[in-house]
Amino acid sequence: VYMAGMLITAGGYTSDSYQLSQYSRQHKMLVAMANHTVSTGGWQPIGKSALWFNGEQIAIANETSDALVVGQRTASGWQGNVVYLSEGLALEAF
């Protein structure tokens, strides 16, 4: 598994996400990318956190909502899901 925290804007998303999908294909591993959804440090990130496996996108969040992009390995391979978080939701450590 390769996981990357990113700050990608609209101008770089296509090329950066393609590169991440190719890492997943080349190395036959799950690739997870967490991207910001709100402006920070003068940058306007695009959100769209995502998962790829074997070159295929298996989950992607939208551009504006806080979300968890979750991957799970099953007998049939990796599966992805997006869980959108409500405002004020507290997450507990487990």
C-alpha atoms as a PDB file:
ATOM      1  CA  VAL A   1       0.000   0.000   0.000  1.00  0.00           C
ATOM      2  CA  TYR A   2       1.240   3.493  -0.906  1.00  0.00           C
ATOM      3  CA  MET A   3      -0.483   6.435   0.812  1.00  0.00           C
ATOM      4  CA  ALA A   4       0.151  10.081  -0.001  1.00  0.00           C
ATOM      5  CA  GLY A   5      -1.129  13.274   1.598  1.00  0.00           C
ATOM      6  CA  MET A   6      -1.326  15.885  -1.161  1.00  0.00           C
ATOM      7  CA  LEU A   7      -2.208  19.464  -1.993  1.00  0.00           C
ATOM      8  CA  ILE A   8      -3.238  19.306  -5.654  1.00  0.00           C
ATOM      9  CA  THR A   9      -5.032  22.101  -7.510  1.00  0.00           C
ATOM     10  CA  ALA A  10      -7.367  21.754 -10.492  1.00  0.00           C
ATOM     11  CA  GLY A  11      -4.468  22.444 -12.870  1.00  0.00           C
ATOM     12  CA  GLY A  12      -2.422  19.489 -11.635  1.00  0.00           C
ATOM     13  CA  TYR A  13      -5.075  16.922 -10.741  1.00  0.00           C
ATOM     14  CA  THR A  14      -5.296  15.117 -14.077  1.00  0.00           C
ATOM     15  CA  SER A  15      -1.568  14.517 -14.439  1.00  0.00           C
ATOM     16  CA  ASP A  16      -0.957  13.747 -10.755  1.00  0.00           C
ATOM     17  CA  SER A  17      -3.861  11.295 -10.475  1.00  0.00           C
ATOM     18  CA  TYR A  18      -2.763   9.581 -13.699  1.00  0.00           C
ATOM     19  CA  GLN A  19       0.729   9.161 -12.248  1.00  0.00           C
ATOM     20  CA  LEU A  20      -0.702   7.644  -9.050  1.00  0.00           C
ATOM     21  CA  SER A  21      -2.862   5.234 -11.060  1.00  0.00           C
ATOM     22  CA  GLN A  22       0.222   4.148 -12.978  1.00  0.00           C
ATOM     23  CA  TYR A  23       2.125   3.514  -9.730  1.00  0.00           C
ATOM     24  CA  SER A  24      -0.709   1.185  -8.701  1.00  0.00           C
ATOM     25  CA  ARG A  25      -0.517  -0.639 -12.043  1.00  0.00           C
ATOM     26  CA  GLN A  26       3.277  -0.871 -12.202  1.00  0.00           C
ATOM     27  CA  HIS A  27       3.710  -2.086  -8.621  1.00  0.00           C
ATOM     28  CA  LYS A  28       0.414  -4.014  -8.337  1.00  0.00           C
ATOM     29  CA  MET A  29      -0.467  -2.247  -5.092  1.00  0.00           C
ATOM     30  CA  LEU A  30      -3.199  -0.096  -3.613  1.00  0.00           C
ATOM     31  CA  VAL A  31      -2.457   3.630  -3.939  1.00  0.00           C
ATOM     32  CA  ALA A  32      -4.335   6.088  -1.717  1.00  0.00           C
ATOM     33  CA  MET A  33      -4.251   9.862  -2.149  1.00  0.00           C
ATOM     34  CA  ALA A  34      -5.686  12.275   0.424  1.00  0.00           C
ATOM     35  CA  ASN A  35      -6.099  15.804  -0.937  1.00  0.00           C
ATOM     36  CA  HIS A  36      -7.209  19.035   0.746  1.00  0.00           C
ATOM     37  CA  THR A  37     -10.687  20.378  -0.002  1.00  0.00           C
ATOM     38  CA  VAL A  38     -10.346  23.945   1.303  1.00  0.00           C
ATOM     39  CA  SER A  39      -8.027  26.818   0.521  1.00  0.00           C
ATOM     40  CA  THR A  40      -4.767  26.824   2.462  1.00  0.00           C
ATOM     41  CA  GLY A  41      -1.601  28.896   2.236  1.00  0.00           C
ATOM     42  CA  GLY A  42      -2.909  30.764  -0.805  1.00  0.00           C
ATOM     43  CA  TRP A  43      -3.548  27.518  -2.718  1.00  0.00           C
ATOM     44  CA  GLN A  44      -6.981  26.309  -3.856  1.00  0.00           C
ATOM     45  CA  PRO A  45      -6.886  22.493  -3.804  1.00  0.00           C
ATOM     46  CA  ILE A  46      -9.490  20.467  -5.689  1.00  0.00           C
ATOM     47  CA  GLY A  47     -10.249  17.689  -3.177  1.00  0.00           C
ATOM     48  CA  LYS A  48     -11.158  14.445  -4.965  1.00  0.00           C
ATOM     49  CA  SER A  49      -9.188  12.133  -2.668  1.00  0.00           C
ATOM     50  CA  ALA A  50      -9.038   8.718  -4.308  1.00  0.00           C
ATOM     51  CA  LEU A  51      -7.911   5.088  -4.368  1.00  0.00           C
ATOM     52  CA  TRP A  52      -6.438   3.093  -7.257  1.00  0.00           C
ATOM     53  CA  PHE A  53      -5.572  -0.538  -7.652  1.00  0.00           C
ATOM     54  CA  ASN A  54      -3.902  -2.107 -10.676  1.00  0.00           C
ATOM     55  CA  GLY A  55      -4.324   1.132 -12.635  1.00  0.00           C
ATOM     56  CA  GLU A  56      -8.075   1.408 -11.989  1.00  0.00           C
ATOM     57  CA  GLN A  57      -9.717   4.034  -9.804  1.00  0.00           C
ATOM     58  CA  ILE A  58     -11.807   2.232  -7.177  1.00  0.00           C
ATOM     59  CA  ALA A  59     -13.058   5.238  -5.150  1.00  0.00           C
ATOM     60  CA  ILE A  60     -13.084   9.042  -5.396  1.00  0.00           C
ATOM     61  CA  ALA A  61     -14.495  11.748  -3.129  1.00  0.00           C
ATOM     62  CA  ASN A  62     -16.077  14.902  -4.483  1.00  0.00           C
ATOM     63  CA  GLU A  63     -14.399  18.298  -4.662  1.00  0.00           C
ATOM     64  CA  THR A  64     -15.853  20.018  -1.599  1.00  0.00           C
ATOM     65  CA  SER A  65     -16.979  17.621   1.144  1.00  0.00           C
ATOM     66  CA  ASP A  66     -14.976  16.308   4.058  1.00  0.00           C
ATOM     67  CA  ALA A  67     -14.736  12.578   3.509  1.00  0.00           C
ATOM     68  CA  LEU A  68     -12.901   9.388   4.269  1.00  0.00           C
ATOM     69  CA  VAL A  69     -11.872   7.289   1.287  1.00  0.00           C
ATOM     70  CA  VAL A  70     -11.666   3.723   2.553  1.00  0.00           C
ATOM     71  CA  GLY A  71     -10.076   0.690   0.933  1.00  0.00           C
ATOM     72  CA  GLN A  72     -10.717  -2.883   1.974  1.00  0.00           C
ATOM     73  CA  ARG A  73      -9.006  -5.986   0.700  1.00  0.00           C
ATOM     74  CA  THR A  74     -11.427  -8.841   0.117  1.00  0.00           C
ATOM     75  CA  ALA A  75     -11.161 -12.298  -1.417  1.00  0.00           C
ATOM     76  CA  SER A  76     -12.104 -10.755  -4.775  1.00  0.00           C
ATOM     77  CA  GLY A  77      -9.518  -7.934  -4.546  1.00  0.00           C
ATOM     78  CA  TRP A  78      -9.481  -4.339  -3.321  1.00  0.00           C
ATOM     79  CA  GLN A  79     -12.767  -2.468  -2.950  1.00  0.00           C
ATOM     80  CA  GLY A  80     -13.186   1.239  -2.274  1.00  0.00           C
ATOM     81  CA  ASN A  81     -15.819   3.346  -0.575  1.00  0.00           C
ATOM     82  CA  VAL A  82     -16.305   7.025   0.266  1.00  0.00           C
ATOM     83  CA  VAL A  83     -17.775   8.030   3.626  1.00  0.00           C
ATOM     84  CA  TYR A  84     -18.884  11.671   3.696  1.00  0.00           C
ATOM     85  CA  LEU A  85     -18.554  13.319   7.104  1.00  0.00           C
ATOM     86  CA  SER A  86     -21.246  15.535   8.569  1.00  0.00           C
ATOM     87  CA  GLU A  87     -20.249  18.919   9.916  1.00  0.00           C
ATOM     88  CA  GLY A  88     -19.337  18.611  13.588  1.00  0.00           C
ATOM     89  CA  LEU A  89     -18.908  14.827  13.474  1.00  0.00           C
ATOM     90  CA  ALA A  90     -16.339  13.635  15.968  1.00  0.00           C
ATOM     91  CA  LEU A  91     -14.259  10.603  15.077  1.00  0.00           C
ATOM     92  CA  GLU A  92     -12.983   8.341  17.809  1.00  0.00           C
ATOM     93  CA  ALA A  93      -9.628   6.610  17.698  1.00  0.00           C
ATOM     94  CA  PHE A  94      -9.819   2.842  17.502  1.00  0.00           C
END
